[in-house]
Amino acid sequence: MKPKLRTDDWIEKIYALVRQIPRGKVCTYGILAEHAGTRLTARMVGWAMNAAHHIQPPIPAHRVVNRNGLLTGKHHFGSPTLMQELLEAEGFIIKDDQILDFKKYVWQP
């Protein structure tokens, strides 16, 4: 019988994956859920990212976007523009809360 995951085990799996996203790349909530190896949903990954802002070592949550490259988690950062600013500092071009040429930058674990 497969051991049941503790509540925080899946969160740690997600955080470990997000820490691997290289500078200049992004990943989606759905890709992370799929690669975590559990029955996670993209929504659960979003919940984990919302809780990640004070975790050490840091979680680059700004690199996690929705499947269309939209900055749907931006309202969980310190200011309404911080997520965009962090991504732009890595070279992304963002228009109307969406990463331009998004598919070119998607990271696969």
PDB file of N, CA and C in Angstrom:
ATOM      1  N   MET A   1       0.835  -1.184   0.000  1.00  0.00           N
ATOM      2  CA  MET A   1       0.000   0.000   0.000  1.00  0.00           C
ATOM      3  C   MET A   1       0.881   1.249   0.000  1.00  0.00           C
ATOM      4  N   LYS A   2       0.546   2.175  -0.852  1.00  0.00           N
ATOM      5  CA  LYS A   2       1.295   3.413  -0.978  1.00  0.00           C
ATOM      6  C   LYS A   2       1.041   4.298   0.242  1.00  0.00           C
ATOM      7  N   PRO A   3       2.116   4.843   0.862  1.00  0.00           N
ATOM      8  CA  PRO A   3       1.884   5.705   2.029  1.00  0.00           C
ATOM      9  C   PRO A   3       1.171   6.993   1.627  1.00  0.00           C
ATOM     10  N   LYS A   4       0.283   7.444   2.483  1.00  0.00           N
ATOM     11  CA  LYS A   4      -0.454   8.679   2.229  1.00  0.00           C
ATOM     12  C   LYS A   4       0.452   9.879   2.506  1.00  0.00           C
ATOM     13  N   LEU A   5       0.391  10.877   1.631  1.00  0.00           N
ATOM     14  CA  LEU A   5       1.190  12.081   1.817  1.00  0.00           C
ATOM     15  C   LEU A   5       0.646  12.913   2.968  1.00  0.00           C
ATOM     16  N   ARG A   6       1.558  13.440   3.773  1.00  0.00           N
ATOM     17  CA  ARG A   6       1.142  14.420   4.769  1.00  0.00           C
ATOM     18  C   ARG A   6       0.750  15.688   4.020  1.00  0.00           C
ATOM     19  N   THR A   7      -0.050  16.505   4.647  1.00  0.00           N
ATOM     20  CA  THR A   7      -0.532  17.723   4.003  1.00  0.00           C
ATOM     21  C   THR A   7       0.603  18.578   3.469  1.00  0.00           C
ATOM     22  N   ASP A   8       1.671  18.714   4.221  1.00  0.00           N
ATOM     23  CA  ASP A   8       2.747  19.589   3.783  1.00  0.00           C
ATOM     24  C   ASP A   8       3.709  18.929   2.801  1.00  0.00           C
ATOM     25  N   ASP A   9       3.658  17.619   2.613  1.00  0.00           N
ATOM     26  CA  ASP A   9       4.547  16.943   1.669  1.00  0.00           C
ATOM     27  C   ASP A   9       4.327  17.441   0.242  1.00  0.00           C
ATOM     28  N   TRP A  10       3.095  17.591  -0.178  1.00  0.00           N
ATOM     29  CA  TRP A  10       2.841  18.031  -1.540  1.00  0.00           C
ATOM     30  C   TRP A  10       3.295  19.472  -1.740  1.00  0.00           C
ATOM     31  N   ILE A  11       3.170  20.283  -0.706  1.00  0.00           N
ATOM     32  CA  ILE A  11       3.625  21.664  -0.805  1.00  0.00           C
ATOM     33  C   ILE A  11       5.137  21.702  -0.980  1.00  0.00           C
ATOM     34  N   GLU A  12       5.840  20.892  -0.228  1.00  0.00           N
ATOM     35  CA  GLU A  12       7.305  20.849  -0.356  1.00  0.00           C
ATOM     36  C   GLU A  12       7.728  20.358  -1.735  1.00  0.00           C
ATOM     37  N   LYS A  13       6.983  19.414  -2.309  1.00  0.00           N
ATOM     38  CA  LYS A  13       7.275  18.965  -3.679  1.00  0.00           C
ATOM     39  C   LYS A  13       7.129  20.118  -4.667  1.00  0.00           C
ATOM     40  N   ILE A  14       6.076  20.879  -4.516  1.00  0.00           N
ATOM     41  CA  ILE A  14       5.846  22.024  -5.397  1.00  0.00           C
ATOM     42  C   ILE A  14       6.952  23.056  -5.218  1.00  0.00           C
ATOM     43  N   TYR A  15       7.280  23.383  -3.979  1.00  0.00           N
ATOM     44  CA  TYR A  15       8.331  24.368  -3.725  1.00  0.00           C
ATOM     45  C   TYR A  15       9.666  23.899  -4.310  1.00  0.00           C
ATOM     46  N   ALA A  16       9.980  22.632  -4.182  1.00  0.00           N
ATOM     47  CA  ALA A  16      11.226  22.102  -4.743  1.00  0.00           C
ATOM     48  C   ALA A  16      11.247  22.265  -6.262  1.00  0.00           C
ATOM     49  N   LEU A  17      10.125  22.011  -6.911  1.00  0.00           N
ATOM     50  CA  LEU A  17      10.045  22.188  -8.358  1.00  0.00           C
ATOM     51  C   LEU A  17      10.201  23.659  -8.750  1.00  0.00           C
ATOM     52  N   VAL A  18       9.505  24.533  -8.042  1.00  0.00           N
ATOM     53  CA  VAL A  18       9.543  25.957  -8.387  1.00  0.00           C
ATOM     54  C   VAL A  18      10.948  26.516  -8.199  1.00  0.00           C
ATOM     55  N   ARG A  19      11.655  26.053  -7.185  1.00  0.00           N
ATOM     56  CA  ARG A  19      13.034  26.513  -6.980  1.00  0.00           C
ATOM     57  C   ARG A  19      13.949  26.121  -8.143  1.00  0.00           C
ATOM     58  N   GLN A  20      13.552  25.132  -8.929  1.00  0.00           N
ATOM     59  CA  GLN A  20      14.357  24.688 -10.070  1.00  0.00           C
ATOM     60  C   GLN A  20      14.105  25.506 -11.341  1.00  0.00           C
ATOM     61  N   ILE A  21      13.049  26.295 -11.362  1.00  0.00           N
ATOM     62  CA  ILE A  21      12.748  27.083 -12.568  1.00  0.00           C
ATOM     63  C   ILE A  21      13.880  28.089 -12.759  1.00  0.00           C
ATOM     64  N   PRO A  22      14.589  27.995 -13.876  1.00  0.00           N
ATOM     65  CA  PRO A  22      15.720  28.905 -14.086  1.00  0.00           C
ATOM     66  C   PRO A  22      15.283  30.346 -14.345  1.00  0.00           C
ATOM     67  N   ARG A  23      16.157  31.245 -14.029  1.00  0.00           N
ATOM     68  CA  ARG A  23      15.942  32.663 -14.340  1.00  0.00           C
ATOM     69  C   ARG A  23      15.689  32.769 -15.844  1.00  0.00           C
ATOM     70  N   GLY A  24      14.686  33.561 -16.239  1.00  0.00           N
ATOM     71  CA  GLY A  24      14.363  33.720 -17.646  1.00  0.00           C
ATOM     72  C   GLY A  24      13.408  32.667 -18.189  1.00  0.00           C
ATOM     73  N   LYS A  25      12.907  31.799 -17.313  1.00  0.00           N
ATOM     74  CA  LYS A  25      11.916  30.791 -17.694  1.00  0.00           C
ATOM     75  C   LYS A  25      10.730  30.908 -16.755  1.00  0.00           C
ATOM     76  N   VAL A  26       9.594  30.399 -17.186  1.00  0.00           N
ATOM     77  CA  VAL A  26       8.396  30.345 -16.353  1.00  0.00           C
ATOM     78  C   VAL A  26       7.795  28.953 -16.455  1.00  0.00           C
ATOM     79  N   CYS A  27       6.904  28.660 -15.543  1.00  0.00           N
ATOM     80  CA  CYS A  27       6.193  27.381 -15.560  1.00  0.00           C
ATOM     81  C   CYS A  27       4.735  27.667 -15.219  1.00  0.00           C
ATOM     82  N   THR A  28       3.869  26.729 -15.558  1.00  0.00           N
ATOM     83  CA  THR A  28       2.446  26.924 -15.272  1.00  0.00           C
ATOM     84  C   THR A  28       2.026  26.131 -14.044  1.00  0.00           C
ATOM     85  N   TYR A  29       0.930  26.542 -13.471  1.00  0.00           N
ATOM     86  CA  TYR A  29       0.366  25.832 -12.331  1.00  0.00           C
ATOM     87  C   TYR A  29       0.080  24.377 -12.706  1.00  0.00           C
ATOM     88  N   GLY A  30      -0.476  24.166 -13.892  1.00  0.00           N
ATOM     89  CA  GLY A  30      -0.828  22.822 -14.344  1.00  0.00           C
ATOM     90  C   GLY A  30       0.376  21.922 -14.556  1.00  0.00           C
ATOM     91  N   ILE A  31       1.433  22.448 -15.165  1.00  0.00           N
ATOM     92  CA  ILE A  31       2.645  21.645 -15.374  1.00  0.00           C
ATOM     93  C   ILE A  31       3.227  21.230 -14.030  1.00  0.00           C
ATOM     94  N   LEU A  32       3.263  22.154 -13.088  1.00  0.00           N
ATOM     95  CA  LEU A  32       3.795  21.822 -11.760  1.00  0.00           C
ATOM     96  C   LEU A  32       2.940  20.764 -11.074  1.00  0.00           C
ATOM     97  N   ALA A  33       1.622  20.892 -11.183  1.00  0.00           N
ATOM     98  CA  ALA A  33       0.731  19.895 -10.577  1.00  0.00           C
ATOM     99  C   ALA A  33       0.990  18.523 -11.179  1.00  0.00           C
ATOM    100  N   GLU A  34       1.128  18.467 -12.487  1.00  0.00           N
ATOM    101  CA  GLU A  34       1.364  17.201 -13.175  1.00  0.00           C
ATOM    102  C   GLU A  34       2.690  16.563 -12.753  1.00  0.00           C
ATOM    103  N   HIS A  35       3.726  17.353 -12.628  1.00  0.00           N
ATOM    104  CA  HIS A  35       5.056  16.826 -12.329  1.00  0.00           C
ATOM    105  C   HIS A  35       5.314  16.599 -10.847  1.00  0.00           C
ATOM    106  N   ALA A  36       4.424  17.038 -10.000  1.00  0.00           N
ATOM    107  CA  ALA A  36       4.614  16.805  -8.563  1.00  0.00           C
ATOM    108  C   ALA A  36       4.385  15.342  -8.211  1.00  0.00           C
ATOM    109  N   GLY A  37       3.754  14.603  -9.116  1.00  0.00           N
ATOM    110  CA  GLY A  37       3.579  13.177  -8.892  1.00  0.00           C
ATOM    111  C   GLY A  37       2.464  12.814  -7.936  1.00  0.00           C
ATOM    112  N   THR A  38       1.611  13.738  -7.636  1.00  0.00           N
ATOM    113  CA  THR A  38       0.460  13.458  -6.781  1.00  0.00           C
ATOM    114  C   THR A  38      -0.786  13.911  -7.524  1.00  0.00           C
ATOM    115  N   ARG A  39      -1.907  13.756  -6.936  1.00  0.00           N
ATOM    116  CA  ARG A  39      -3.160  14.145  -7.585  1.00  0.00           C
ATOM    117  C   ARG A  39      -3.487  15.610  -7.331  1.00  0.00           C
ATOM    118  N   LEU A  40      -2.540  16.449  -7.629  1.00  0.00           N
ATOM    119  CA  LEU A  40      -2.734  17.874  -7.415  1.00  0.00           C
ATOM    120  C   LEU A  40      -3.473  18.508  -8.587  1.00  0.00           C
ATOM    121  N   THR A  41      -4.105  19.604  -8.292  1.00  0.00           N
ATOM    122  CA  THR A  41      -4.721  20.403  -9.341  1.00  0.00           C
ATOM    123  C   THR A  41      -3.942  21.710  -9.456  1.00  0.00           C
ATOM    124  N   ALA A  42      -4.120  22.377 -10.567  1.00  0.00           N
ATOM    125  CA  ALA A  42      -3.474  23.673 -10.757  1.00  0.00           C
ATOM    126  C   ALA A  42      -3.889  24.644  -9.653  1.00  0.00           C
ATOM    127  N   ARG A  43      -5.118  24.554  -9.218  1.00  0.00           N
ATOM    128  CA  ARG A  43      -5.613  25.438  -8.152  1.00  0.00           C
ATOM    129  C   ARG A  43      -4.839  25.217  -6.853  1.00  0.00           C
ATOM    130  N   MET A  44      -4.500  23.971  -6.547  1.00  0.00           N
ATOM    131  CA  MET A  44      -3.737  23.672  -5.338  1.00  0.00           C
ATOM    132  C   MET A  44      -2.318  24.242  -5.442  1.00  0.00           C
ATOM    133  N   VAL A  45      -1.747  24.188  -6.640  1.00  0.00           N
ATOM    134  CA  VAL A  45      -0.425  24.782  -6.848  1.00  0.00           C
ATOM    135  C   VAL A  45      -0.507  26.290  -6.623  1.00  0.00           C
ATOM    136  N   GLY A  46      -1.568  26.915  -7.110  1.00  0.00           N
ATOM    137  CA  GLY A  46      -1.772  28.346  -6.869  1.00  0.00           C
ATOM    138  C   GLY A  46      -1.860  28.656  -5.388  1.00  0.00           C
ATOM    139  N   TRP A  47      -2.555  27.811  -4.650  1.00  0.00           N
ATOM    140  CA  TRP A  47      -2.662  27.999  -3.208  1.00  0.00           C
ATOM    141  C   TRP A  47      -1.281  27.932  -2.564  1.00  0.00           C
ATOM    142  N   ALA A  48      -0.460  26.968  -2.991  1.00  0.00           N
ATOM    143  CA  ALA A  48       0.897  26.843  -2.452  1.00  0.00           C
ATOM    144  C   ALA A  48       1.729  28.084  -2.782  1.00  0.00           C
ATOM    145  N   MET A  49       1.571  28.633  -3.989  1.00  0.00           N
ATOM    146  CA  MET A  49       2.315  29.834  -4.369  1.00  0.00           C
ATOM    147  C   MET A  49       1.868  31.032  -3.529  1.00  0.00           C
ATOM    148  N   ASN A  50       0.593  31.114  -3.222  1.00  0.00           N
ATOM    149  CA  ASN A  50       0.084  32.206  -2.391  1.00  0.00           C
ATOM    150  C   ASN A  50       0.719  32.187  -1.010  1.00  0.00           C
ATOM    151  N   ALA A  51       1.053  31.002  -0.528  1.00  0.00           N
ATOM    152  CA  ALA A  51       1.635  30.848   0.809  1.00  0.00           C
ATOM    153  C   ALA A  51       3.163  30.885   0.795  1.00  0.00           C
ATOM    154  N   ALA A  52       3.775  31.101  -0.355  1.00  0.00           N
ATOM    155  CA  ALA A  52       5.224  30.944  -0.503  1.00  0.00           C
ATOM    156  C   ALA A  52       6.049  32.189  -0.223  1.00  0.00           C
ATOM    157  N   HIS A  53       5.448  33.310  -0.005  1.00  0.00           N
ATOM    158  CA  HIS A  53       6.191  34.569   0.012  1.00  0.00           C
ATOM    159  C   HIS A  53       7.159  34.754   1.178  1.00  0.00           C
ATOM    160  N   HIS A  54       7.022  33.984   2.235  1.00  0.00           N
ATOM    161  CA  HIS A  54       7.923  34.144   3.380  1.00  0.00           C
ATOM    162  C   HIS A  54       8.708  32.870   3.666  1.00  0.00           C
ATOM    163  N   ILE A  55       8.740  31.951   2.724  1.00  0.00           N
ATOM    164  CA  ILE A  55       9.439  30.677   2.888  1.00  0.00           C
ATOM    165  C   ILE A  55      10.929  30.874   2.602  1.00  0.00           C
ATOM    166  N   GLN A  56      11.757  30.210   3.378  1.00  0.00           N
ATOM    167  CA  GLN A  56      13.201  30.219   3.152  1.00  0.00           C
ATOM    168  C   GLN A  56      13.690  28.804   2.916  1.00  0.00           C
ATOM    169  N   PRO A  57      14.582  28.565   1.974  1.00  0.00           N
ATOM    170  CA  PRO A  57      15.057  29.533   1.007  1.00  0.00           C
ATOM    171  C   PRO A  57      13.912  30.015   0.121  1.00  0.00           C
ATOM    172  N   PRO A  58      14.097  31.180  -0.486  1.00  0.00           N
ATOM    173  CA  PRO A  58      13.006  31.813  -1.238  1.00  0.00           C
ATOM    174  C   PRO A  58      12.435  30.947  -2.364  1.00  0.00           C
ATOM    175  N   ILE A  59      11.163  31.142  -2.620  1.00  0.00           N
ATOM    176  CA  ILE A  59      10.451  30.483  -3.709  1.00  0.00           C
ATOM    177  C   ILE A  59      10.235  31.537  -4.794  1.00  0.00           C
ATOM    178  N   PRO A  60      10.724  31.327  -6.025  1.00  0.00           N
ATOM    179  CA  PRO A  60      10.494  32.318  -7.080  1.00  0.00           C
ATOM    180  C   PRO A  60       9.081  32.208  -7.662  1.00  0.00           C
ATOM    181  N   ALA A  61       8.090  32.486  -6.832  1.00  0.00           N
ATOM    182  CA  ALA A  61       6.682  32.341  -7.209  1.00  0.00           C
ATOM    183  C   ALA A  61       6.303  33.208  -8.403  1.00  0.00           C
ATOM    184  N   HIS A  62       7.052  34.270  -8.652  1.00  0.00           N
ATOM    185  CA  HIS A  62       6.743  35.140  -9.794  1.00  0.00           C
ATOM    186  C   HIS A  62       6.921  34.417 -11.119  1.00  0.00           C
ATOM    187  N   ARG A  63       7.627  33.288 -11.120  1.00  0.00           N
ATOM    188  CA  ARG A  63       7.858  32.516 -12.345  1.00  0.00           C
ATOM    189  C   ARG A  63       6.751  31.497 -12.619  1.00  0.00           C
ATOM    190  N   VAL A  64       5.701  31.515 -11.829  1.00  0.00           N
ATOM    191  CA  VAL A  64       4.583  30.582 -12.024  1.00  0.00           C
ATOM    192  C   VAL A  64       3.379  31.387 -12.500  1.00  0.00           C
ATOM    193  N   VAL A  65       2.906  31.027 -13.691  1.00  0.00           N
ATOM    194  CA  VAL A  65       1.809  31.753 -14.335  1.00  0.00           C
ATOM    195  C   VAL A  65       0.753  30.763 -14.814  1.00  0.00           C
ATOM    196  N   ASN A  66      -0.339  31.268 -15.344  1.00  0.00           N
ATOM    197  CA  ASN A  66      -1.365  30.340 -15.820  1.00  0.00           C
ATOM    198  C   ASN A  66      -0.988  29.784 -17.197  1.00  0.00           C
ATOM    199  N   ARG A  67      -1.793  28.880 -17.707  1.00  0.00           N
ATOM    200  CA  ARG A  67      -1.463  28.150 -18.945  1.00  0.00           C
ATOM    201  C   ARG A  67      -1.374  29.033 -20.184  1.00  0.00           C
ATOM    202  N   ASN A  68      -1.847  30.270 -20.081  1.00  0.00           N
ATOM    203  CA  ASN A  68      -1.773  31.210 -21.194  1.00  0.00           C
ATOM    204  C   ASN A  68      -0.711  32.286 -20.988  1.00  0.00           C
ATOM    205  N   GLY A  69       0.058  32.154 -19.913  1.00  0.00           N
ATOM    206  CA  GLY A  69       1.076  33.158 -19.627  1.00  0.00           C
ATOM    207  C   GLY A  69       0.555  34.388 -18.924  1.00  0.00           C
ATOM    208  N   LEU A  70      -0.650  34.302 -18.381  1.00  0.00           N
ATOM    209  CA  LEU A  70      -1.228  35.433 -17.652  1.00  0.00           C
ATOM    210  C   LEU A  70      -0.726  35.472 -16.211  1.00  0.00           C
ATOM    211  N   LEU A  71      -0.517  36.658 -15.702  1.00  0.00           N
ATOM    212  CA  LEU A  71      -0.046  36.850 -14.332  1.00  0.00           C
ATOM    213  C   LEU A  71      -1.222  36.814 -13.365  1.00  0.00           C
ATOM    214  N   THR A  72      -1.870  35.674 -13.290  1.00  0.00           N
ATOM    215  CA  THR A  72      -3.087  35.557 -12.479  1.00  0.00           C
ATOM    216  C   THR A  72      -2.811  35.632 -10.981  1.00  0.00           C
ATOM    217  N   GLY A  73      -1.589  35.386 -10.554  1.00  0.00           N
ATOM    218  CA  GLY A  73      -1.269  35.445  -9.132  1.00  0.00           C
ATOM    219  C   GLY A  73      -0.743  36.789  -8.674  1.00  0.00           C
ATOM    220  N   LYS A  74      -0.768  37.786  -9.534  1.00  0.00           N
ATOM    221  CA  LYS A  74      -0.129  39.072  -9.238  1.00  0.00           C
ATOM    222  C   LYS A  74      -0.678  39.764  -7.996  1.00  0.00           C
ATOM    223  N   HIS A  75      -1.937  39.538  -7.668  1.00  0.00           N
ATOM    224  CA  HIS A  75      -2.533  40.212  -6.517  1.00  0.00           C
ATOM    225  C   HIS A  75      -2.047  39.644  -5.181  1.00  0.00           C
ATOM    226  N   HIS A  76      -1.236  38.583  -5.216  1.00  0.00           N
ATOM    227  CA  HIS A  76      -0.701  38.000  -3.987  1.00  0.00           C
ATOM    228  C   HIS A  76       0.710  38.496  -3.678  1.00  0.00           C
ATOM    229  N   PHE A  77       1.212  39.406  -4.479  1.00  0.00           N
ATOM    230  CA  PHE A  77       2.533  39.973  -4.248  1.00  0.00           C
ATOM    231  C   PHE A  77       2.384  41.279  -3.471  1.00  0.00           C
ATOM    232  N   GLY A  78       3.482  41.841  -3.022  1.00  0.00           N
ATOM    233  CA  GLY A  78       3.456  43.031  -2.173  1.00  0.00           C
ATOM    234  C   GLY A  78       2.763  44.232  -2.771  1.00  0.00           C
ATOM    235  N   SER A  79       2.776  44.340  -4.092  1.00  0.00           N
ATOM    236  CA  SER A  79       2.079  45.431  -4.777  1.00  0.00           C
ATOM    237  C   SER A  79       1.471  44.858  -6.050  1.00  0.00           C
ATOM    238  N   PRO A  80       0.524  45.547  -6.651  1.00  0.00           N
ATOM    239  CA  PRO A  80      -0.127  45.026  -7.854  1.00  0.00           C
ATOM    240  C   PRO A  80       0.813  44.853  -9.047  1.00  0.00           C
ATOM    241  N   THR A  81       1.978  45.515  -9.011  1.00  0.00           N
ATOM    242  CA  THR A  81       2.897  45.446 -10.149  1.00  0.00           C
ATOM    243  C   THR A  81       4.165  44.646  -9.855  1.00  0.00           C
ATOM    244  N   LEU A  82       4.342  44.154  -8.634  1.00  0.00           N
ATOM    245  CA  LEU A  82       5.602  43.500  -8.260  1.00  0.00           C
ATOM    246  C   LEU A  82       5.893  42.250  -9.090  1.00  0.00           C
ATOM    247  N   MET A  83       4.915  41.412  -9.325  1.00  0.00           N
ATOM    248  CA  MET A  83       5.147  40.200 -10.121  1.00  0.00           C
ATOM    249  C   MET A  83       5.653  40.580 -11.515  1.00  0.00           C
ATOM    250  N   GLN A  84       5.004  41.540 -12.139  1.00  0.00           N
ATOM    251  CA  GLN A  84       5.422  41.993 -13.465  1.00  0.00           C
ATOM    252  C   GLN A  84       6.837  42.572 -13.412  1.00  0.00           C
ATOM    253  N   GLU A  85       7.122  43.376 -12.407  1.00  0.00           N
ATOM    254  CA  GLU A  85       8.445  43.979 -12.280  1.00  0.00           C
ATOM    255  C   GLU A  85       9.533  42.906 -12.146  1.00  0.00           C
ATOM    256  N   LEU A  86       9.271  41.874 -11.351  1.00  0.00           N
ATOM    257  CA  LEU A  86      10.244  40.794 -11.179  1.00  0.00           C
ATOM    258  C   LEU A  86      10.483  40.049 -12.487  1.00  0.00           C
ATOM    259  N   LEU A  87       9.426  39.797 -13.228  1.00  0.00           N
ATOM    260  CA  LEU A  87       9.558  39.111 -14.515  1.00  0.00           C
ATOM    261  C   LEU A  87      10.269  40.000 -15.540  1.00  0.00           C
ATOM    262  N   GLU A  88       9.937  41.259 -15.564  1.00  0.00           N
ATOM    263  CA  GLU A  88      10.603  42.174 -16.496  1.00  0.00           C
ATOM    264  C   GLU A  88      12.090  42.289 -16.180  1.00  0.00           C
ATOM    265  N   ALA A  89      12.452  42.222 -14.907  1.00  0.00           N
ATOM    266  CA  ALA A  89      13.863  42.266 -14.518  1.00  0.00           C
ATOM    267  C   ALA A  89      14.622  41.044 -15.046  1.00  0.00           C
ATOM    268  N   GLU A  90      13.894  39.971 -15.371  1.00  0.00           N
ATOM    269  CA  GLU A  90      14.501  38.766 -15.940  1.00  0.00           C
ATOM    270  C   GLU A  90      14.434  38.771 -17.468  1.00  0.00           C
ATOM    271  N   GLY A  91      13.923  39.841 -18.045  1.00  0.00           N
ATOM    272  CA  GLY A  91      13.918  39.975 -19.489  1.00  0.00           C
ATOM    273  C   GLY A  91      12.596  39.709 -20.190  1.00  0.00           C
ATOM    274  N   PHE A  92      11.548  39.386 -19.445  1.00  0.00           N
ATOM    275  CA  PHE A  92      10.247  39.134 -20.059  1.00  0.00           C
ATOM    276  C   PHE A  92       9.598  40.447 -20.493  1.00  0.00           C
ATOM    277  N   ILE A  93       8.850  40.374 -21.572  1.00  0.00           N
ATOM    278  CA  ILE A  93       8.038  41.509 -22.005  1.00  0.00           C
ATOM    279  C   ILE A  93       6.596  41.148 -21.690  1.00  0.00           C
ATOM    280  N   ILE A  94       5.932  42.033 -20.976  1.00  0.00           N
ATOM    281  CA  ILE A  94       4.572  41.766 -20.515  1.00  0.00           C
ATOM    282  C   ILE A  94       3.659  42.869 -21.008  1.00  0.00           C
ATOM    283  N   LYS A  95       2.546  42.446 -21.583  1.00  0.00           N
ATOM    284  CA  LYS A  95       1.540  43.395 -22.062  1.00  0.00           C
ATOM    285  C   LYS A  95       0.180  42.929 -21.568  1.00  0.00           C
ATOM    286  N   ASP A  96      -0.552  43.813 -20.944  1.00  0.00           N
ATOM    287  CA  ASP A  96      -1.882  43.499 -20.411  1.00  0.00           C
ATOM    288  C   ASP A  96      -1.848  42.256 -19.523  1.00  0.00           C
ATOM    289  N   ASP A  97      -0.865  42.205 -18.616  1.00  0.00           N
ATOM    290  CA  ASP A  97      -0.709  41.109 -17.649  1.00  0.00           C
ATOM    291  C   ASP A  97      -0.407  39.755 -18.288  1.00  0.00           C
ATOM    292  N   GLN A  98       0.128  39.740 -19.496  1.00  0.00           N
ATOM    293  CA  GLN A  98       0.445  38.487 -20.179  1.00  0.00           C
ATOM    294  C   GLN A  98       1.868  38.538 -20.731  1.00  0.00           C
ATOM    295  N   ILE A  99       2.594  37.438 -20.553  1.00  0.00           N
ATOM    296  CA  ILE A  99       3.955  37.330 -21.074  1.00  0.00           C
ATOM    297  C   ILE A  99       3.876  37.156 -22.592  1.00  0.00           C
ATOM    298  N   LEU A 100       4.546  38.051 -23.322  1.00  0.00           N
ATOM    299  CA  LEU A 100       4.591  37.926 -24.773  1.00  0.00           C
ATOM    300  C   LEU A 100       5.517  36.767 -25.158  1.00  0.00           C
ATOM    301  N   ASP A 101       5.170  36.052 -26.214  1.00  0.00           N
ATOM    302  CA  ASP A 101       5.926  34.868 -26.656  1.00  0.00           C
ATOM    303  C   ASP A 101       6.051  33.847 -25.530  1.00  0.00           C
ATOM    304  N   PHE A 102       5.010  33.720 -24.754  1.00  0.00           N
ATOM    305  CA  PHE A 102       4.990  32.879 -23.559  1.00  0.00           C
ATOM    306  C   PHE A 102       5.536  31.469 -23.793  1.00  0.00           C
ATOM    307  N   LYS A 103       5.087  30.795 -24.833  1.00  0.00           N
ATOM    308  CA  LYS A 103       5.473  29.392 -25.053  1.00  0.00           C
ATOM    309  C   LYS A 103       6.982  29.221 -25.230  1.00  0.00           C
ATOM    310  N   LYS A 104       7.638  30.255 -25.675  1.00  0.00           N
ATOM    311  CA  LYS A 104       9.093  30.232 -25.863  1.00  0.00           C
ATOM    312  C   LYS A 104       9.843  30.115 -24.528  1.00  0.00           C
ATOM    313  N   TYR A 105       9.196  30.506 -23.432  1.00  0.00           N
ATOM    314  CA  TYR A 105       9.849  30.573 -22.127  1.00  0.00           C
ATOM    315  C   TYR A 105       9.395  29.506 -21.131  1.00  0.00           C
ATOM    316  N   VAL A 106       8.526  28.611 -21.557  1.00  0.00           N
ATOM    317  CA  VAL A 106       7.989  27.618 -20.622  1.00  0.00           C
ATOM    318  C   VAL A 106       9.051  26.568 -20.277  1.00  0.00           C
ATOM    319  N   TRP A 107       9.236  26.375 -18.995  1.00  0.00           N
ATOM    320  CA  TRP A 107      10.176  25.387 -18.460  1.00  0.00           C
ATOM    321  C   TRP A 107       9.426  24.101 -18.140  1.00  0.00           C
ATOM    322  N   GLN A 108      10.002  22.987 -18.524  1.00  0.00           N
ATOM    323  CA  GLN A 108       9.441  21.665 -18.207  1.00  0.00           C
ATOM    324  C   GLN A 108      10.374  20.969 -17.227  1.00  0.00           C
ATOM    325  N   PRO A 109       9.858  20.550 -16.094  1.00  0.00           N
ATOM    326  CA  PRO A 109      10.712  19.827 -15.117  1.00  0.00           C
ATOM    327  C   PRO A 109      11.260  18.533 -15.706  1.00  0.00           C
TER     328      PRO A 109
END
